[in-house]
Structures are given as structure tokens and as C-alpha cells.
């Protein structure tokens, strides 16, 4: 093959250019610390890099953002539940102290006052939030668990109005003790001679048990002028649709005395007391309900009680977190607007409102504890019962003390002394009944508060279990992130020493090529012509 100078020049320039390209490639690798700068440099490395970067990005999201957010939520929940535990423990201690029969009504009043403060703290704890989201309210993280001070301003317009449907079983019924004090009500040392207090005797004081279905709220008597406020109630069996008729009786008309008197009758009697939020049943009515429930399938048969409440106070639990209900509020234009909540509850299709965080590949963890697990209406209603019983005790105690003072000022053996003594004996009998009832209520409060504490401890255990699981997941995420970062580095990053050696070798080769080409190109055919 004939080799001309031109061919040699072209070959030399080609080789020099290739060396220059390689030198540029190695120099770029040194500058970027990466094996490739474009996918065409090495498609295999490029594809693997995309996959590894996606993995690292996902793990970074899980490890650095999702998991810490979930951990904070769980920690805030743990703090709130810890406060609840302390409140309930103190509540049990006070109930134990109050169960001492040697304490008088004034001492008990102080104890119940302390319990009311604890109750308020119990429910206010349910309004704890994390980053503006309330942690116990399920999906409604923008809504407080209980009404706050703002409700006082809203109530001036008569809103909100809630139509609530509670779903109860036979287990929701309880038995309360009631003492009919007869004509002793209002008797004192200044009016004991009034004719309306004549012929009071010990036999007039009656005591007995009443079957009761206590609703979650009191103050149900409609006071708002806005519809649909009402003091009526609807009671029906969910399975059959059969209804139970109830007479609405004001608490001022002695509904408990009426039921106590009707206990021995053969006629069923049901009374709805809107002020106290109670349904009272005499023995006949309760027996009929038991028979109906037995025929409908046993203890799981459901009673649906629908009523309206339009008077709310700070601390009242919001119904939408617990029941199927309709809320009538004012819209921005000032017009009534009705919102339905939890309608599916009435069909037994309610789903627990759990909030879950993605903390790994196909891994989710629940971070919230719902209100129904800890904050029931029971404590509020228990304290209300104690307050009412204690008020009755204080009234009859005052009557008994007044009559005792009158007796000490009379001569024994006189007709007046005998009359006052009969009234005193009746007051003492009523006092003993009511005092025993208060004692029993405080003992039941201990049991109930312990039940609330047990529920809280279960919630704490569940929350702690989730925290432990999250710790394990976080540790695994950290290991996985490190592993994938190492793989990503091995796939993309250069070996600096190796590339430096190659770059030095390429520079030497390039310089040698220039020298060789220079020598070859110095001599041509023209030098010999």
C-alpha cells in the first residue's frame, strides 16, 4: 500500500484527536466525580442510576420526613394520654376519699368540686393539637374535640342546633336509687309550723330503684327559636322500627317520684326528662323492653334515640365525633345550613377514622388515637349525677340540722315537740337514704373511673406499640438508605485514584503523540528534490 505524507498526517491528527477526546473525558470525570455525564456515555450505568436514585429519594422521604412526622404525632398523643392517666388516677383517689361515710355534705362538696376541675381538664386534654391538626378527632383534624369559648358567641344566634341519634343496647341501661322525701322539701326552722308541713311522718319517705337510659347530653329542652329545636324524643328499635312512647316531663315536676310511684303498677311508664337528658322506665316498661330485645336477637338489638340539643357550653363534646347527627349552622350569608354527619352509622357501616402514614415500601402505620377510645361522655354525666345527689343531700341535711335546733328549744313531752320529732325522724330517714346513695355513687365512680383509666392504658399501650414499630421501621430505613447510597455511589462515582492514573497516562500519551508527529512531519519528499 502506498503511504503518502497526507495519509500519515491524517492518521496522526486522528490519533491525536482521540487522545484529546479521552483526555477530555477523563478530565470531565475528575471534575464531576461521576462516571457519565449523559445516558449515551453508558446506558447500563444510566438505567441503574435512575433506579437507585428513585430508591434513595423514596427512602429519604420515608426516613427524613414521613417517619419523623409520625413520631411527633405519636409523641404528642403519648403526652396527652399521660395527662389523662394522671387526671383519672387523681379522680379515683378523690372518689376513694369521698367514699368515707364520716364525711359531711360540706366535705363532699369540696371533693366533688375538685372532681369537676379534673373533669374539665380531662376533656380539655382532648383538644390537644399537632401543627394545627387536632389529634383525637379522626379525619376532622380541623375541628376541636369539644366546644371552646367560641361557642358562647355563636349561641347568641341560637346556633348550632344538633339533631342527634344515639345507638344504644340493653347494656346502656343502668339502675339509679331515688328517695322520695315527700313534703320535707323546703322545710326549715322558720316554716316548720306551716300547714303544708302538717302530718309529716317517717313512713312518707320512700326509697327505690329506677331503670334509666342516660343520654350523652343534658339540657335538651329546646330553648332556641330556630327550628328544629324541640324537647321531644324519638325512641325506636333499629331492627323492627317499633317505637316507644315517652312522656316529656320537666325536672321540676318530680319525674323520679312519678316513676317510683309507678313501679308497682301494671302499666308501662316511660318519662323523658330533657333538662337532665334521661329516659326513666318503671319496672313494667323495662320488662317489656327486655322481652322485645330478646325477641329481636338478644343483647345486640339496638335502640335508636333521636333528640335535639340547641344549648351548648364550653367543654361539651362535639356530637359529630361520636354520633349520626345533623347540624344546623349559619353560613357566611347568615342563612341556616344543615350538615349531615356519620349517616352510615345508622346502617352499621361506620368505619374507624384512622390516619396512617406511609413509612416504607407498602408499609403504613396508624398514628392517631380516636376520641371514642378515651374520651367518653360517661365521666361528665357521672359528675353531673354526683352533683345532683350531693345537692339533695345538702338540702335534707340543712332540714335535719334546722329541725334538730328546733327540738333542742322545745320541752320534751309537749305536742309541738312530738310533731317536730316526727318531722325530724322523717328527715333523718331521708338523709340516711340519700347519704347511702351518695356513698354508693362514689364507690361506683371509683369503678367507672378505673374503667376509663383501663381504656386509657389500652390506648397508651397501642400508641406505644406503634412507636416501637416505628422505631424498628426507622432503623431499617436508615440501613436501607445507607445501602442504596453505597450502591448509588459505586454505580455513579469514579475511583479518583484510578481516573487520575488514567488521566496522567493519557497526558503522557498525548504529549508523546505530539512529539512523534512533529518529528515525522519535519521531513517530506521535497527535502530530497
Protein backbone atom coordinates (compact mmCIF):
# COMPACT_ATOMS: atom_id res chain seq x y z
CA UNK A 1 0.00 0.00 0.00
CA UNK A 2 1.33 3.37 -0.95
CA UNK A 3 1.73 5.62 2.12
CA UNK A 4 1.83 9.29 1.41
CA UNK A 5 2.60 12.18 3.72
CA UNK A 6 -1.02 13.22 3.60
CA UNK A 7 -2.15 9.85 4.85
CA UNK A 8 0.37 9.99 7.67
CA UNK A 9 -0.78 13.48 8.60
CA UNK A 10 -4.41 12.42 8.69
CA UNK A 11 -3.65 9.35 10.79
CA UNK A 12 -1.59 11.40 13.19
CA UNK A 13 -4.31 14.04 13.58
CA UNK A 14 -6.91 11.30 14.10
CA UNK A 15 -4.87 9.63 16.84
CA UNK A 16 -4.06 12.95 18.49
CA UNK A 17 -7.74 13.86 18.45
CA UNK A 18 -8.71 10.51 20.03
CA UNK A 19 -6.17 11.09 22.75
CA UNK A 20 -7.58 14.56 23.26
CA UNK A 21 -11.14 13.18 23.47
CA UNK A 22 -10.07 10.60 26.05
CA UNK A 23 -8.19 13.25 27.97
CA UNK A 24 -11.30 15.49 27.96
CA UNK A 25 -13.48 12.58 29.11
CA UNK A 26 -11.16 11.76 31.99
CA UNK A 27 -10.82 15.43 32.89
CA UNK A 28 -14.64 15.77 32.98
CA UNK A 29 -14.89 12.68 35.18
CA UNK A 30 -12.37 14.22 37.58
CA UNK A 31 -14.32 17.47 37.65
CA UNK A 32 -17.79 15.93 38.12
CA UNK A 33 -16.70 12.89 40.14
CA UNK A 34 -19.17 10.92 38.03
CA UNK A 35 -18.61 8.11 35.57
CA UNK A 36 -21.01 9.51 32.96
CA UNK A 37 -22.43 12.92 32.07
CA UNK A 38 -25.08 11.77 29.61
CA UNK A 39 -27.04 8.49 29.22
CA UNK A 40 -25.29 7.69 25.94
CA UNK A 41 -21.96 7.50 27.75
CA UNK A 42 -23.04 4.19 29.33
CA UNK A 43 -26.74 3.19 29.07
CA UNK A 44 -26.37 0.42 31.67
CA UNK A 45 -24.98 2.80 34.30
CA UNK A 46 -27.64 5.38 33.37
CA UNK A 47 -30.55 2.94 33.82
CA UNK A 48 -29.16 1.63 37.09
CA UNK A 49 -28.57 5.20 38.31
CA UNK A 50 -32.20 6.15 37.66
CA UNK A 51 -33.44 3.18 39.64
CA UNK A 52 -31.05 3.72 42.53
CA UNK A 53 -31.77 7.45 42.70
CA UNK A 54 -35.50 6.72 42.84
CA UNK A 55 -34.92 4.29 45.69
CA UNK A 56 -32.76 6.76 47.60
CA UNK A 57 -35.31 9.57 47.09
CA UNK A 58 -38.15 7.40 48.37
CA UNK A 59 -36.14 6.24 51.36
CA UNK A 60 -35.15 9.83 52.12
CA UNK A 61 -38.84 10.83 52.08
CA UNK A 62 -39.75 7.93 54.37
CA UNK A 63 -36.78 8.32 56.73
CA UNK A 64 -36.34 12.09 56.94
CA UNK A 65 -39.95 13.33 56.59
CA UNK A 66 -42.73 10.74 57.00
CA UNK A 67 -41.23 8.81 59.90
CA UNK A 68 -40.34 11.93 61.95
CA UNK A 69 -43.82 13.37 61.36
CA UNK A 70 -45.40 10.13 62.52
CA UNK A 71 -43.08 10.01 65.53
CA UNK A 72 -44.02 13.55 66.60
CA UNK A 73 -47.74 12.74 66.27
CA UNK A 74 -47.31 9.63 68.40
CA UNK A 75 -45.26 11.56 70.98
CA UNK A 76 -47.92 14.30 71.25
CA UNK A 77 -50.57 11.60 71.68
CA UNK A 78 -48.47 9.92 74.35
CA UNK A 79 -48.16 13.19 76.28
CA UNK A 80 -51.92 13.81 76.14
CA UNK A 81 -52.71 10.26 77.25
CA UNK A 82 -50.19 10.56 80.08
CA UNK A 83 -52.01 13.67 81.31
CA UNK A 84 -55.31 11.81 81.07
CA UNK A 85 -53.88 8.97 83.16
CA UNK A 86 -52.81 11.39 85.90
CA UNK A 87 -56.25 13.04 85.89
CA UNK A 88 -58.07 9.72 86.20
CA UNK A 89 -55.71 8.49 88.90
CA UNK A 90 -56.42 11.62 90.93
CA UNK A 91 -60.15 11.19 90.25
CA UNK A 92 -60.01 7.68 91.73
CA UNK A 93 -58.11 8.99 94.76
CA UNK A 94 -60.74 11.67 95.41
CA UNK A 95 -63.59 9.20 94.95
CA UNK A 96 -61.92 6.89 97.46
CA UNK A 97 -61.61 9.78 99.87
CA UNK A 98 -65.24 10.79 99.36
CA UNK A 99 -66.44 7.23 99.94
CA UNK A 100 -65.66 7.70 103.64
CA UNK A 101 -69.07 7.75 105.35
CA UNK A 102 -67.78 10.00 108.13
CA UNK A 103 -67.60 12.97 105.75
CA UNK A 104 -70.40 15.51 105.82
CA UNK A 105 -72.08 17.23 102.89
CA UNK A 106 -69.71 20.23 103.02
CA UNK A 107 -66.64 17.99 102.86
CA UNK A 108 -68.18 16.07 99.98
CA UNK A 109 -68.96 19.33 98.21
CA UNK A 110 -65.26 20.26 98.27
CA UNK A 111 -64.30 16.85 96.91
CA UNK A 112 -66.87 16.95 94.11
CA UNK A 113 -65.68 20.47 93.26
CA UNK A 114 -62.17 19.11 92.80
CA UNK A 115 -63.53 16.27 90.68
CA UNK A 116 -65.31 18.80 88.45
CA UNK A 117 -62.00 20.57 87.85
CA UNK A 118 -60.40 17.26 86.94
CA UNK A 119 -63.29 16.51 84.59
CA UNK A 120 -62.74 19.83 82.81
CA UNK A 121 -59.03 19.06 82.44
CA UNK A 122 -59.87 15.59 81.18
CA UNK A 123 -61.95 16.90 78.29
CA UNK A 124 -59.70 19.89 77.52
CA UNK A 125 -56.85 17.43 77.02
CA UNK A 126 -58.83 16.03 74.10
CA UNK A 127 -58.27 19.33 72.25
CA UNK A 128 -54.50 18.83 72.01
CA UNK A 129 -53.23 19.51 68.50
CA UNK A 130 -50.09 18.92 66.44
CA UNK A 131 -49.20 21.55 63.83
CA UNK A 132 -52.78 22.83 63.85
CA UNK A 133 -54.32 19.37 63.50
CA UNK A 134 -56.35 18.01 66.41
CA UNK A 135 -55.06 14.54 67.17
CA UNK A 136 -58.15 12.81 68.62
CA UNK A 137 -60.77 13.83 66.06
CA UNK A 138 -60.17 11.31 63.29
CA UNK A 139 -60.37 12.75 59.79
CA UNK A 140 -61.80 16.03 61.10
CA UNK A 141 -58.40 17.32 62.17
CA UNK A 142 -59.56 20.92 61.75
CA UNK A 143 -62.31 20.52 64.38
CA UNK A 144 -61.82 20.53 68.14
CA UNK A 145 -63.00 17.55 70.18
CA UNK A 146 -65.11 19.73 72.47
CA UNK A 147 -66.66 23.14 72.13
CA UNK A 148 -64.40 26.05 73.10
CA UNK A 149 -65.07 29.61 74.22
CA UNK A 150 -66.25 30.50 70.70
CA UNK A 151 -69.49 28.60 71.27
CA UNK A 152 -70.68 31.27 73.70
CA UNK A 153 -70.63 33.85 70.92
CA UNK A 154 -72.37 31.53 68.45
CA UNK A 155 -75.12 30.68 70.91
CA UNK A 156 -76.37 34.27 70.84
CA UNK A 157 -77.88 33.48 67.44
CA UNK A 158 -79.26 30.12 68.58
CA UNK A 159 -76.78 28.07 66.57
CA UNK A 160 -75.51 25.41 66.22
CA UNK A 161 -78.55 23.14 66.55
CA UNK A 162 -77.87 19.41 66.56
CA UNK A 163 -80.33 16.64 65.88
CA UNK A 164 -78.59 13.63 67.38
CA UNK A 165 -79.28 9.91 67.10
CA UNK A 166 -77.65 7.75 69.76
CA UNK A 167 -77.42 3.99 69.24
CA UNK A 168 -77.77 2.03 72.48
CA UNK A 169 -78.09 -1.59 73.55
CA UNK A 170 -79.61 -3.06 76.70
CA UNK A 171 -76.18 -2.76 78.33
CA UNK A 172 -76.56 1.03 78.31
CA UNK A 173 -79.39 0.87 80.86
CA UNK A 174 -78.48 1.41 84.48
CA UNK A 175 -80.33 1.46 87.78
CA UNK A 176 -80.37 4.56 89.96
CA UNK A 177 -81.55 4.90 93.53
CA UNK A 178 -84.05 7.60 94.37
CA UNK A 179 -85.56 8.79 97.63
CA UNK A 180 -88.97 10.44 97.67
CA UNK A 181 -88.78 12.82 100.60
CA UNK A 182 -92.48 13.65 100.47
CA UNK A 183 -93.34 17.06 101.93
CA UNK A 184 -89.92 17.57 103.51
CA UNK A 185 -88.76 19.63 100.56
CA UNK A 186 -88.13 23.22 101.67
CA UNK A 187 -88.78 22.54 105.36
CA UNK A 188 -86.64 24.59 107.78
CA UNK A 189 -86.66 26.09 111.23
CA UNK A 190 -88.56 29.17 110.08
CA UNK A 191 -91.51 27.47 108.37
CA UNK A 192 -91.87 24.14 110.16
CA UNK A 193 -95.21 25.28 111.61
CA UNK A 194 -96.78 25.95 108.18
CA UNK A 195 -99.86 23.87 107.49
CA UNK A 196 -98.38 22.36 104.34
CA UNK A 197 -95.88 20.55 106.54
CA UNK A 198 -98.55 19.07 108.84
CA UNK A 199 -98.75 15.32 109.33
CA UNK A 200 -95.25 14.59 108.02
CA UNK A 201 -94.16 11.20 109.24
CA UNK A 202 -91.33 8.78 108.69
CA UNK A 203 -93.48 6.43 106.58
CA UNK A 204 -93.88 9.15 103.95
CA UNK A 205 -90.24 8.78 102.94
CA UNK A 206 -89.89 6.16 100.20
CA UNK A 207 -86.78 4.77 98.58
CA UNK A 208 -86.43 2.59 95.50
CA UNK A 209 -84.59 1.90 92.26
CA UNK A 210 -85.42 3.30 88.84
CA UNK A 211 -84.38 1.93 85.46
CA UNK A 212 -82.69 4.62 83.42
CA UNK A 213 -81.22 5.17 79.98
CA UNK A 214 -78.89 8.12 80.33
CA UNK A 215 -78.24 10.08 77.15
CA UNK A 216 -74.87 11.65 76.43
CA UNK A 217 -76.06 15.21 76.97
CA UNK A 218 -78.29 17.14 79.32
CA UNK A 219 -80.03 20.47 78.72
CA UNK A 220 -82.06 19.04 75.83
CA UNK A 221 -85.13 21.18 76.34
CA UNK A 222 -85.41 23.34 73.23
CA UNK A 223 -84.76 26.97 74.12
CA UNK A 224 -83.84 28.32 70.70
CA UNK A 225 -86.42 29.98 68.49
CA UNK A 226 -84.72 28.50 65.45
CA UNK A 227 -86.10 25.23 64.00
CA UNK A 228 -85.82 22.32 64.61
CA UNK A 229 -85.33 22.94 68.34
CA UNK A 230 -87.68 20.77 70.37
CA UNK A 231 -87.92 18.98 73.67
CA UNK A 232 -89.33 15.79 72.15
CA UNK A 233 -87.53 12.48 71.81
CA UNK A 234 -88.00 9.52 69.47
CA UNK A 235 -87.12 6.01 70.68
CA UNK A 236 -87.25 3.09 68.27
CA UNK A 237 -85.84 -0.38 67.79
CA UNK A 238 -83.45 -0.34 64.82
CA UNK A 239 -84.28 -3.93 63.78
CA UNK A 240 -88.06 -3.64 63.78
CA UNK A 241 -88.74 0.08 63.59
CA UNK A 242 -91.13 -0.20 66.56
CA UNK A 243 -91.24 2.92 68.69
CA UNK A 244 -91.51 3.50 72.44
CA UNK A 245 -93.76 6.29 73.65
CA UNK A 246 -92.33 8.58 76.31
CA UNK A 247 -93.92 11.41 78.27
CA UNK A 248 -91.83 14.58 78.38
CA UNK A 249 -91.76 15.74 82.00
CA UNK A 250 -89.83 18.69 83.38
CA UNK A 251 -87.38 18.03 86.19
CA UNK A 252 -89.44 20.45 88.33
CA UNK A 253 -92.41 18.04 88.18
CA UNK A 254 -90.65 15.28 90.15
CA UNK A 255 -90.30 12.70 87.34
CA UNK A 256 -88.35 10.36 89.63
CA UNK A 257 -91.17 10.36 92.16
CA UNK A 258 -93.62 9.57 89.34
CA UNK A 259 -91.61 6.56 88.18
CA UNK A 260 -91.07 5.36 91.74
CA UNK A 261 -94.82 5.50 92.33
CA UNK A 262 -95.48 3.68 89.03
CA UNK A 263 -93.07 0.83 89.79
CA UNK A 264 -95.82 -1.28 91.36
CA UNK A 265 -98.38 -0.58 88.66
CA UNK A 266 -99.23 -2.91 85.77
CA UNK A 267 -98.96 -0.05 83.26
CA UNK A 268 -95.71 0.71 81.45
CA UNK A 269 -94.47 4.24 82.03
CA UNK A 270 -91.54 5.96 80.30
CA UNK A 271 -90.54 9.54 81.08
CA UNK A 272 -88.15 11.75 79.16
CA UNK A 273 -86.50 14.45 81.28
CA UNK A 274 -84.97 16.93 78.80
CA UNK A 275 -83.17 19.06 81.40
CA UNK A 276 -81.19 16.08 82.67
CA UNK A 277 -81.08 14.08 79.43
CA UNK A 278 -82.57 10.94 80.97
CA UNK A 279 -85.13 8.34 79.96
CA UNK A 280 -86.76 6.81 83.04
CA UNK A 281 -88.57 3.45 82.94
CA UNK A 282 -90.74 1.84 85.56
CA UNK A 283 -90.43 -1.91 86.15
CA UNK A 284 -93.21 -2.79 83.70
CA UNK A 285 -91.76 -0.67 80.87
CA UNK A 286 -88.27 -2.08 81.38
CA UNK A 287 -89.57 -5.66 81.41
CA UNK A 288 -91.36 -5.05 78.11
CA UNK A 289 -88.16 -3.66 76.56
CA UNK A 290 -86.22 -6.70 77.76
CA UNK A 291 -88.79 -9.01 76.13
CA UNK A 292 -88.70 -7.07 72.87
CA UNK A 293 -84.91 -7.09 72.74
CA UNK A 294 -84.88 -10.82 73.44
CA UNK A 295 -87.24 -11.40 70.51
CA UNK A 296 -85.14 -9.20 68.22
CA UNK A 297 -81.99 -11.21 68.69
CA UNK A 298 -80.72 -10.71 72.19
CA UNK A 299 -78.45 -8.15 73.79
CA UNK A 300 -77.14 -6.84 70.45
CA UNK A 301 -80.55 -5.44 69.50
CA UNK A 302 -80.23 -1.71 69.02
CA UNK A 303 -82.28 1.18 70.33
CA UNK A 304 -82.02 4.45 68.41
CA UNK A 305 -82.82 7.58 70.42
CA UNK A 306 -83.18 10.81 68.45
CA UNK A 307 -83.35 14.19 70.14
CA UNK A 308 -82.37 17.81 69.57
CA UNK A 309 -79.95 19.95 71.54
CA UNK A 310 -79.51 23.65 70.89
CA UNK A 311 -77.80 24.86 74.07
CA UNK A 312 -74.06 24.24 74.25
CA UNK A 313 -71.34 25.20 76.68
CA UNK A 314 -67.58 25.23 76.66
CA UNK A 315 -66.30 21.69 77.27
CA UNK A 316 -69.28 19.84 75.72
CA UNK A 317 -68.08 17.12 73.37
CA UNK A 318 -68.98 17.79 69.75
CA UNK A 319 -71.59 15.24 68.57
CA UNK A 320 -70.11 14.79 65.08
CA UNK A 321 -67.18 12.89 66.58
CA UNK A 322 -69.46 10.27 68.14
CA UNK A 323 -72.94 10.04 66.62
CA UNK A 324 -75.00 10.19 63.48
CA UNK A 325 -76.33 13.73 63.60
CA UNK A 326 -77.45 16.79 61.68
CA UNK A 327 -76.02 20.18 62.48
CA UNK A 328 -77.80 23.41 61.58
CA UNK A 329 -75.41 26.35 61.48
CA UNK A 330 -75.23 29.75 59.84
CA UNK A 331 -73.42 30.09 56.53
CA UNK A 332 -71.36 33.13 55.54
CA UNK A 333 -74.50 34.92 54.35
CA UNK A 334 -76.20 34.32 57.72
CA UNK A 335 -78.66 31.74 56.39
CA UNK A 336 -79.30 28.36 58.09
CA UNK A 337 -77.31 25.49 56.61
CA UNK A 338 -77.70 21.83 57.57
CA UNK A 339 -74.76 19.42 57.55
CA UNK A 340 -75.11 15.65 57.96
CA UNK A 341 -72.53 13.65 59.87
CA UNK A 342 -71.95 9.88 60.09
CA UNK A 343 -75.24 8.86 58.48
CA UNK A 344 -73.68 5.48 57.72
CA UNK A 345 -73.59 4.73 61.47
CA UNK A 346 -77.33 4.09 61.41
CA UNK A 347 -76.79 1.26 58.92
CA UNK A 348 -73.92 -0.24 60.88
CA UNK A 349 -71.41 0.82 58.22
CA UNK A 350 -69.31 3.16 60.31
CA UNK A 351 -65.57 2.90 59.65
CA UNK A 352 -62.95 3.85 62.20
CA UNK A 353 -61.29 7.09 61.17
CA UNK A 354 -57.67 6.05 61.33
CA UNK A 355 -54.88 8.25 59.97
CA UNK A 356 -51.95 6.31 58.52
CA UNK A 357 -48.52 7.43 57.39
CA UNK A 358 -46.51 5.77 54.60
CA UNK A 359 -43.24 4.93 56.33
CA UNK A 360 -41.83 2.34 53.92
CA UNK A 361 -42.45 0.30 50.81
CA UNK A 362 -46.02 -0.96 51.24
CA UNK A 363 -45.76 -0.11 54.96
CA UNK A 364 -48.23 2.12 56.76
CA UNK A 365 -48.53 2.91 60.44
CA UNK A 366 -51.54 4.34 62.29
CA UNK A 367 -50.61 7.49 64.18
CA UNK A 368 -53.90 8.65 65.69
CA UNK A 369 -56.00 7.56 68.65
CA UNK A 370 -59.68 8.35 68.16
CA UNK A 371 -61.74 10.13 70.78
CA UNK A 372 -64.09 7.21 71.46
CA UNK A 373 -61.14 5.16 72.73
CA UNK A 374 -60.53 7.52 75.66
CA UNK A 375 -62.90 10.47 75.94
CA UNK A 376 -66.39 9.12 76.55
CA UNK A 377 -69.36 11.17 77.73
CA UNK A 378 -69.64 8.98 80.82
CA UNK A 379 -67.34 10.95 83.11
CA UNK A 380 -69.19 14.22 82.51
CA UNK A 381 -72.54 12.58 83.22
CA UNK A 382 -71.18 10.75 86.30
CA UNK A 383 -70.07 14.05 87.83
CA UNK A 384 -73.47 15.56 86.99
CA UNK A 385 -75.17 12.70 88.86
CA UNK A 386 -72.89 13.26 91.84
CA UNK A 387 -73.65 16.99 91.86
CA UNK A 388 -77.40 16.39 91.86
CA UNK A 389 -77.21 13.77 94.58
CA UNK A 390 -74.97 15.98 96.68
CA UNK A 391 -77.37 18.92 96.26
CA UNK A 392 -80.21 16.72 97.55
CA UNK A 393 -78.02 15.62 100.45
CA UNK A 394 -77.13 19.20 101.35
CA UNK A 395 -80.83 20.23 101.29
CA UNK A 396 -82.04 17.40 103.50
CA UNK A 397 -79.01 17.85 105.79
CA UNK A 398 -79.94 21.51 106.26
CA UNK A 399 -83.51 20.49 107.04
CA UNK A 400 -82.32 17.92 109.57
CA UNK A 401 -79.98 20.39 111.27
CA UNK A 402 -82.72 23.03 111.46
CA UNK A 403 -85.21 20.59 112.99
CA UNK A 404 -82.58 19.45 115.49
CA UNK A 405 -82.10 23.05 116.60
CA UNK A 406 -85.88 23.44 116.98
CA UNK A 407 -86.08 20.25 119.06
CA UNK A 408 -83.41 21.48 121.44
CA UNK A 409 -85.51 24.58 122.11
CA UNK A 410 -88.70 22.64 122.95
CA UNK A 411 -89.75 20.80 126.05
CA UNK A 412 -89.86 17.07 125.61
CA UNK A 413 -93.34 15.65 126.06
CA UNK A 414 -95.21 18.56 124.52
CA UNK A 415 -97.39 18.15 121.43
CA UNK A 416 -95.18 20.53 119.45
CA UNK A 417 -92.10 18.53 120.41
CA UNK A 418 -93.77 15.30 119.26
CA UNK A 419 -94.79 16.89 115.94
CA UNK A 420 -91.28 18.24 115.28
CA UNK A 421 -89.76 14.91 116.35
CA UNK A 422 -91.82 13.08 113.70
CA UNK A 423 -90.62 15.53 111.08
CA UNK A 424 -87.05 15.17 112.30
CA UNK A 425 -87.27 11.35 112.14
CA UNK A 426 -88.60 11.58 108.58
CA UNK A 427 -85.74 13.97 107.64
CA UNK A 428 -83.19 11.70 109.26
CA UNK A 429 -84.56 8.69 107.38
CA UNK A 430 -84.41 10.60 104.09
CA UNK A 431 -80.89 11.80 104.94
CA UNK A 432 -79.71 8.25 105.62
CA UNK A 433 -81.16 7.03 102.32
CA UNK A 434 -79.62 9.85 100.32
CA UNK A 435 -76.29 9.66 102.19
CA UNK A 436 -76.11 5.95 101.44
CA UNK A 437 -76.92 6.66 97.80
CA UNK A 438 -74.12 9.26 97.60
CA UNK A 439 -71.75 6.74 99.16
CA UNK A 440 -72.76 4.10 96.61
CA UNK A 441 -72.39 6.60 93.77
CA UNK A 442 -68.87 7.48 94.87
CA UNK A 443 -67.99 3.79 95.01
CA UNK A 444 -69.41 3.33 91.52
CA UNK A 445 -67.41 6.36 90.43
CA UNK A 446 -64.27 4.56 91.56
CA UNK A 447 -65.20 1.57 89.41
CA UNK A 448 -66.15 3.72 86.43
CA UNK A 449 -63.05 5.92 86.69
CA UNK A 450 -60.97 2.75 86.85
CA UNK A 451 -62.72 1.61 83.69
CA UNK A 452 -61.87 4.92 81.98
CA UNK A 453 -58.29 4.51 83.21
CA UNK A 454 -58.16 0.98 81.82
CA UNK A 455 -59.36 2.29 78.44
CA UNK A 456 -56.67 4.98 78.57
CA UNK A 457 -54.00 2.44 79.45
CA UNK A 458 -55.06 0.32 76.47
CA UNK A 459 -54.77 3.40 74.25
CA UNK A 460 -51.33 4.14 75.73
CA UNK A 461 -50.24 0.56 75.06
CA UNK A 462 -51.48 0.73 71.46
CA UNK A 463 -49.74 4.06 70.96
CA UNK A 464 -46.54 2.71 72.50
CA UNK A 465 -46.67 -0.38 70.29
CA UNK A 466 -46.94 1.83 67.23
CA UNK A 467 -43.99 3.91 68.46
CA UNK A 468 -41.86 0.80 68.92
CA UNK A 469 -42.80 -0.45 65.49
CA UNK A 470 -41.96 2.97 64.03
CA UNK A 471 -38.53 2.84 65.73
CA UNK A 472 -37.85 -0.53 64.12
CA UNK A 473 -39.00 0.75 60.74
CA UNK A 474 -36.85 3.91 61.10
CA UNK A 475 -33.78 1.83 61.90
CA UNK A 476 -34.43 -0.37 58.89
CA UNK A 477 -34.99 2.69 56.69
CA UNK A 478 -31.66 4.12 57.84
CA UNK A 479 -29.88 0.87 56.96
CA UNK A 480 -31.64 0.66 53.61
CA UNK A 481 -30.85 4.27 52.79
CA UNK A 482 -27.17 3.72 53.60
CA UNK A 483 -27.08 0.56 51.49
CA UNK A 484 -28.69 2.20 48.48
CA UNK A 485 -26.47 5.27 48.80
CA UNK A 486 -23.43 2.99 48.72
CA UNK A 487 -24.79 1.19 45.66
CA UNK A 488 -25.56 4.54 44.03
CA UNK A 489 -22.04 5.76 44.72
CA UNK A 490 -20.47 2.57 43.38
CA UNK A 491 -22.59 2.85 40.24
CA UNK A 492 -22.10 6.57 39.53
CA UNK A 493 -18.99 7.82 41.31
CA UNK A 494 -15.49 7.39 39.94
CA UNK A 495 -12.44 5.88 41.60
CA UNK A 496 -10.37 9.05 41.82
CA UNK A 497 -7.01 7.25 42.02
CA UNK A 498 -7.81 5.08 39.03
CA UNK A 499 -9.04 8.02 36.92
CA UNK A 500 -6.02 10.11 37.94
CA UNK A 501 -3.66 7.40 36.79
CA UNK A 502 -5.53 7.10 33.50
CA UNK A 503 -5.54 10.88 33.06
CA UNK A 504 -1.79 11.09 33.69
CA UNK A 505 -1.20 8.23 31.28
CA UNK A 506 -3.41 9.92 28.67
CA UNK A 507 -1.50 13.20 29.04
CA UNK A 508 1.80 11.35 28.57
CA UNK A 509 0.43 9.54 25.54
CA UNK A 510 -0.88 12.80 24.10
CA UNK A 511 2.44 14.58 24.54
CA UNK A 512 4.30 11.63 23.04
CA UNK A 513 2.00 11.62 20.03
CA UNK A 514 2.66 15.32 19.50
CA UNK A 515 6.41 14.78 19.64
CA UNK A 516 6.30 11.81 17.27
CA UNK A 517 4.08 13.59 14.81
CA UNK A 518 6.36 16.64 14.91
CA UNK A 519 9.40 14.59 14.01
CA UNK A 520 7.64 12.72 11.21
CA UNK A 521 6.20 15.85 9.70
CA UNK A 522 9.60 17.66 9.62
CA UNK A 523 10.79 15.54 6.62
CA UNK A 524 8.98 15.23 3.32
CA UNK A 525 9.82 14.32 -0.38
CA UNK A 526 10.58 17.94 -1.09
CA UNK A 527 13.69 17.71 1.09
CA UNK A 528 15.28 15.34 -1.47
CA UNK A 529 14.34 17.03 -4.70
